[in-house]
Amino acid sequence: MPRSARYTHGHGPAALASHSRRTAATSCAYLLPHLRSGLDLLDVGCGPASITADLAGLVAPGRVVGLDAEAAAIEAARATLTERHLADIVELTSGDVHDLPFADNSFDVVHAHQVLQHVADPVHALEEMRRVTRPGGLVAVRDSIYSAKAWFPQPEGLEMWRQVYLAVARANGGEPDAGSRLLSWCLAAGLTQVESSASTWCLATAEDRAWWARTWAERTATSLGSQAVALGLATQEDLEAMTSAWQEWEAADDGWFVVVHGEALARVD
């Protein structure tokens, strides 16, 4: 088995479309004040590269590399960069965060958004990120905390969804509450100068509710759902109840959902 855990979300259309909505402003605001022109940056687990593209604009003409382990993600990243006229500027490569294909001290900034929750050995992954970061450079990580997600109204099926997701993610070798563990993992990886913080996504407009509910309803019916059934963690009837709950929540005019994230910004000695 590879050192990376099985990716719970899969790389289907729903997951990739959802990840494509992410920007540097919404997903790594804690890092942005530390960026400047000319820095070399590695984006680990770049997915469709919507964040990578934003970061490239902030550190140009520094070298920017987007790395992902999945061919579908690299393909989506290439499409994003072509659309944004960055295909000749941002490098894309396939690789595993547990064994980064770069020499020591290759980058000034190594960034990973929503990655460590999906890997088998997050401490070793951070050791690798530290290894390829130059002295004085930054390792920047952000992950959500599934146990801390909150919502209103509260259809019964949404708590079932949370419990099924937690169980599937852990069965896959990941840690869905990674955001709360980032400081601990950084210290275990030998990173001593660590600033820890937290931030949220708040989804409360009709547009945000439609996006959030539909992406999770689709994932519940496909990637997450198929894994849950195969692992014996849910039945088809459970999946239908969870999907109906997402539809009920979306239809509520007072629907509100918050995603809590932990963040760690570590200066490499």
Protein backbone atom coordinates (compact mmCIF):
# COMPACT_ATOMS: atom_id res chain seq x y z
CA MET A 1 0.00 0.00 0.00
CA PRO A 2 1.36 3.48 -0.82
CA ARG A 3 2.12 5.72 2.11
CA SER A 4 -0.65 8.09 1.02
CA ALA A 5 -4.04 7.06 2.36
CA ARG A 6 -6.92 6.44 -0.02
CA TYR A 7 -8.40 9.79 -1.06
CA THR A 8 -11.90 9.79 0.43
CA HIS A 9 -13.35 12.45 -1.89
CA GLY A 10 -12.24 10.82 -5.11
CA HIS A 11 -11.54 12.87 -8.23
CA GLY A 12 -14.97 12.85 -9.81
CA PRO A 13 -16.65 15.93 -11.31
CA ALA A 14 -18.27 17.00 -8.01
CA ALA A 15 -15.01 17.03 -6.06
CA LEU A 16 -12.97 18.75 -8.77
CA ALA A 17 -15.66 21.38 -9.39
CA SER A 18 -15.85 22.08 -5.67
CA HIS A 19 -12.07 22.39 -5.32
CA SER A 20 -11.95 24.73 -8.32
CA ARG A 21 -13.92 27.32 -6.33
CA ARG A 22 -11.08 27.70 -3.86
CA THR A 23 -8.90 30.79 -4.08
CA ALA A 24 -5.85 32.02 -2.22
CA ALA A 25 -8.04 34.60 -0.47
CA THR A 26 -10.54 32.03 0.80
CA SER A 27 -8.10 29.22 1.48
CA CYS A 28 -4.74 30.59 2.63
CA ALA A 29 -5.28 34.15 3.85
CA TYR A 30 -2.98 33.39 6.81
CA LEU A 31 -0.07 32.90 4.39
CA LEU A 32 -0.61 35.84 2.01
CA PRO A 33 1.05 38.60 4.11
CA HIS A 34 4.28 36.59 4.00
CA LEU A 35 4.48 36.29 0.22
CA ARG A 36 6.46 38.60 -2.04
CA SER A 37 7.78 38.76 -5.56
CA GLY A 38 10.59 36.35 -6.39
CA LEU A 39 9.88 33.58 -3.86
CA ASP A 40 10.03 29.98 -5.06
CA LEU A 41 6.87 28.11 -4.03
CA LEU A 42 5.69 24.51 -4.01
CA ASP A 43 1.95 23.80 -3.76
CA VAL A 44 1.52 20.23 -2.49
CA GLY A 45 -1.75 18.53 -3.44
CA CYS A 46 -2.54 21.32 -5.88
CA GLY A 47 -5.72 19.68 -7.23
CA PRO A 48 -7.21 21.80 -10.03
CA ALA A 49 -4.67 24.58 -9.25
CA SER A 50 -7.09 27.43 -8.57
CA ILE A 51 -5.09 28.31 -5.43
CA THR A 52 -1.78 27.60 -7.17
CA ALA A 53 -2.60 30.06 -9.93
CA ASP A 54 -3.38 32.81 -7.42
CA LEU A 55 -0.16 32.16 -5.53
CA ALA A 56 1.82 32.28 -8.78
CA GLY A 57 0.62 35.82 -9.35
CA LEU A 58 1.79 36.86 -5.90
CA VAL A 59 5.34 35.45 -6.10
CA ALA A 60 6.12 36.06 -9.80
CA PRO A 61 8.72 35.83 -11.22
CA GLY A 62 9.58 33.17 -8.61
CA ARG A 63 9.40 29.51 -9.52
CA VAL A 64 6.02 27.87 -8.80
CA VAL A 65 5.41 24.12 -8.84
CA GLY A 66 2.07 22.36 -8.37
CA LEU A 67 2.32 18.73 -7.23
CA ASP A 68 -0.44 16.14 -7.02
CA ALA A 69 -0.50 12.36 -6.80
CA GLU A 70 -3.53 11.91 -9.08
CA ALA A 71 -3.51 12.11 -12.87
CA ALA A 72 -7.07 13.51 -12.91
CA ALA A 73 -6.01 16.38 -10.65
CA ILE A 74 -2.97 17.17 -12.81
CA GLU A 75 -5.19 17.21 -15.89
CA ALA A 76 -7.62 19.60 -14.19
CA ALA A 77 -4.71 21.77 -13.03
CA ARG A 78 -3.35 21.96 -16.57
CA ALA A 79 -6.75 23.14 -17.82
CA THR A 80 -6.94 25.83 -15.13
CA LEU A 81 -3.45 27.12 -15.86
CA THR A 82 -4.10 27.18 -19.61
CA GLU A 83 -7.30 29.15 -19.08
CA ARG A 84 -5.46 31.65 -16.89
CA HIS A 85 -2.48 31.90 -19.29
CA LEU A 86 -0.09 30.41 -16.74
CA ALA A 87 0.70 27.09 -18.41
CA ASP A 88 4.21 28.25 -19.33
CA ILE A 89 4.85 29.73 -15.90
CA VAL A 90 3.64 27.15 -13.36
CA GLU A 91 5.25 23.71 -13.42
CA LEU A 92 3.13 20.63 -12.75
CA THR A 93 4.47 17.32 -11.51
CA SER A 94 3.16 14.08 -10.10
CA GLY A 95 4.42 12.96 -6.71
CA ASP A 96 3.75 11.80 -3.15
CA VAL A 97 4.10 14.20 -0.23
CA HIS A 98 5.81 11.39 1.72
CA ASP A 99 8.63 11.34 -0.85
CA LEU A 100 8.82 14.72 -2.55
CA PRO A 101 10.80 14.60 -5.84
CA PHE A 102 12.95 17.63 -5.04
CA ALA A 103 16.37 18.26 -3.57
CA ASP A 104 16.83 19.66 -0.08
CA ASN A 105 16.35 23.43 0.26
CA SER A 106 14.55 23.84 -3.09
CA PHE A 107 11.78 26.30 -2.14
CA ASP A 108 11.13 29.36 -0.02
CA VAL A 109 7.50 28.39 0.64
CA VAL A 110 5.91 24.93 0.73
CA HIS A 111 2.11 25.06 0.98
CA ALA A 112 -0.55 22.37 1.40
CA HIS A 113 -4.29 23.02 1.64
CA GLN A 114 -6.61 20.21 2.81
CA VAL A 115 -3.88 17.62 2.23
CA LEU A 116 -2.66 16.30 5.57
CA GLN A 117 -6.11 15.00 6.49
CA HIS A 118 -5.77 12.51 3.64
CA VAL A 119 -2.26 11.15 4.14
CA ALA A 120 -1.14 8.04 6.02
CA ASP A 121 1.78 9.68 7.85
CA PRO A 122 1.25 13.44 8.28
CA VAL A 123 4.34 13.89 10.47
CA HIS A 124 6.59 12.35 7.83
CA ALA A 125 4.82 14.44 5.17
CA LEU A 126 5.70 17.57 7.16
CA GLU A 127 9.28 16.34 7.53
CA GLU A 128 9.44 16.11 3.75
CA MET A 129 7.94 19.58 3.35
CA ARG A 130 10.50 20.88 5.82
CA ARG A 131 13.35 19.11 3.97
CA VAL A 132 12.64 20.84 0.66
CA THR A 133 12.20 24.28 2.31
CA ARG A 134 15.20 26.59 2.54
CA PRO A 135 16.37 27.87 5.94
CA GLY A 136 14.25 30.89 6.81
CA GLY A 137 11.48 29.68 4.51
CA LEU A 138 7.91 28.75 5.39
CA VAL A 139 5.88 25.57 5.61
CA ALA A 140 2.17 26.48 5.47
CA VAL A 141 -0.65 23.98 6.06
CA ARG A 142 -4.42 24.28 6.49
CA ASP A 143 -6.97 21.53 7.11
CA SER A 144 -10.59 21.34 8.15
CA ILE A 145 -11.99 19.79 11.34
CA TYR A 146 -15.00 17.63 10.48
CA SER A 147 -16.06 17.17 14.10
CA ALA A 148 -16.29 20.96 14.46
CA LYS A 149 -18.52 21.60 11.44
CA ALA A 150 -21.83 23.17 12.47
CA TRP A 151 -25.09 23.80 10.64
CA PHE A 152 -28.70 24.91 10.88
CA PRO A 153 -31.34 23.65 10.30
CA GLN A 154 -30.34 20.19 11.45
CA PRO A 155 -31.94 17.42 9.38
CA GLU A 156 -31.19 14.09 11.04
CA GLY A 157 -29.43 12.77 7.96
CA LEU A 158 -26.66 15.41 8.16
CA GLU A 159 -25.33 14.11 11.46
CA MET A 160 -25.42 10.65 9.92
CA TRP A 161 -23.41 12.07 7.00
CA ARG A 162 -20.78 13.45 9.39
CA GLN A 163 -20.42 10.18 11.27
CA VAL A 164 -20.20 8.16 8.06
CA TYR A 165 -17.62 10.55 6.62
CA LEU A 166 -15.48 10.38 9.78
CA ALA A 167 -15.60 6.59 9.73
CA VAL A 168 -14.81 6.26 6.01
CA ALA A 169 -11.94 8.77 6.15
CA ARG A 170 -10.34 6.95 9.07
CA ALA A 171 -10.87 3.56 7.43
CA ASN A 172 -9.01 5.01 4.42
CA GLY A 173 -6.04 5.87 6.63
CA GLY A 174 -6.65 9.60 7.01
CA GLU A 175 -7.58 11.93 9.89
CA PRO A 176 -10.65 14.09 9.16
CA ASP A 177 -9.98 16.28 12.23
CA ALA A 178 -6.49 17.11 10.97
CA GLY A 179 -6.93 20.85 11.45
CA SER A 180 -6.88 20.48 15.23
CA ARG A 181 -3.69 18.42 15.07
CA LEU A 182 -1.52 20.59 12.81
CA LEU A 183 0.43 22.26 15.62
CA SER A 184 1.13 18.88 17.23
CA TRP A 185 2.21 17.33 13.94
CA CYS A 186 4.48 20.28 13.08
CA LEU A 187 6.24 20.03 16.43
CA ALA A 188 6.64 16.27 16.01
CA ALA A 189 8.19 16.92 12.59
CA GLY A 190 10.87 19.13 14.14
CA LEU A 191 9.35 22.47 13.18
CA THR A 192 9.89 24.66 16.24
CA GLN A 193 8.85 28.14 15.07
CA VAL A 194 5.14 27.53 14.50
CA GLU A 195 2.28 30.03 14.45
CA SER A 196 -1.10 28.33 14.87
CA SER A 197 -4.41 29.89 13.83
CA ALA A 198 -7.95 29.07 12.75
CA SER A 199 -10.44 30.38 10.21
CA THR A 200 -13.79 29.42 8.75
CA TRP A 201 -15.87 29.16 5.63
CA CYS A 202 -19.43 30.33 6.29
CA LEU A 203 -22.03 29.20 3.74
CA ALA A 204 -25.29 31.09 4.16
CA THR A 205 -26.34 32.56 0.80
CA ALA A 206 -28.65 30.78 -1.60
CA GLU A 207 -25.76 30.40 -4.06
CA ASP A 208 -23.41 28.93 -1.45
CA ARG A 209 -26.09 26.61 -0.09
CA ALA A 210 -26.82 25.29 -3.58
CA TRP A 211 -23.15 24.66 -4.29
CA TRP A 212 -22.35 23.06 -0.93
CA ALA A 213 -25.45 20.89 -0.68
CA ARG A 214 -25.25 19.66 -4.28
CA THR A 215 -21.57 18.77 -4.19
CA TRP A 216 -22.06 16.78 -0.99
CA ALA A 217 -25.28 15.15 -2.18
CA GLU A 218 -23.45 14.01 -5.32
CA ARG A 219 -20.43 12.77 -3.39
CA THR A 220 -22.70 10.97 -0.94
CA ALA A 221 -24.37 9.20 -3.84
CA THR A 222 -21.08 8.37 -5.60
CA SER A 223 -17.53 8.42 -4.20
CA LEU A 224 -18.21 8.66 -0.45
CA GLY A 225 -21.33 6.55 -0.64
CA SER A 226 -19.80 3.69 -2.59
CA GLN A 227 -16.89 3.51 -0.15
CA ALA A 228 -19.22 3.59 2.87
CA VAL A 229 -21.32 0.74 1.51
CA ALA A 230 -18.25 -1.33 0.54
CA LEU A 231 -16.81 -0.87 4.04
CA GLY A 232 -20.10 -1.83 5.69
CA LEU A 233 -20.45 1.63 7.25
CA ALA A 234 -23.73 2.59 5.55
CA THR A 235 -26.59 1.05 3.61
CA GLN A 236 -28.16 2.30 0.41
CA GLU A 237 -31.09 3.51 2.51
CA ASP A 238 -28.66 5.51 4.65
CA LEU A 239 -27.21 7.16 1.55
CA GLU A 240 -30.69 8.12 0.40
CA ALA A 241 -31.45 9.61 3.82
CA MET A 242 -28.22 11.64 3.75
CA THR A 243 -28.89 12.89 0.23
CA SER A 244 -32.43 13.91 1.19
CA ALA A 245 -31.06 15.76 4.21
CA TRP A 246 -28.70 17.78 2.01
CA GLN A 247 -31.64 18.67 -0.26
CA GLU A 248 -33.72 19.70 2.76
CA TRP A 249 -30.92 21.87 4.12
CA GLU A 250 -30.38 23.54 0.73
CA ALA A 251 -34.08 24.45 0.49
CA ALA A 252 -34.09 26.22 3.87
CA ASP A 253 -34.01 30.01 3.54
CA ASP A 254 -32.22 30.16 6.90
CA GLY A 255 -29.72 27.45 6.00
CA TRP A 256 -26.26 28.10 7.49
CA PHE A 257 -23.12 25.96 7.53
CA VAL A 258 -19.66 26.67 8.93
CA VAL A 259 -16.45 24.79 8.16
CA VAL A 260 -13.74 25.25 10.79
CA HIS A 261 -10.10 25.07 9.70
CA GLY A 262 -6.88 24.83 11.62
CA GLU A 263 -3.74 26.48 10.20
CA ALA A 264 -0.04 26.26 10.93
CA LEU A 265 2.69 28.53 9.59
CA ALA A 266 6.18 27.26 10.42
CA ARG A 267 9.48 29.06 9.86
CA VAL A 268 12.25 26.58 8.99
CA ASP A 269 15.44 26.87 11.02
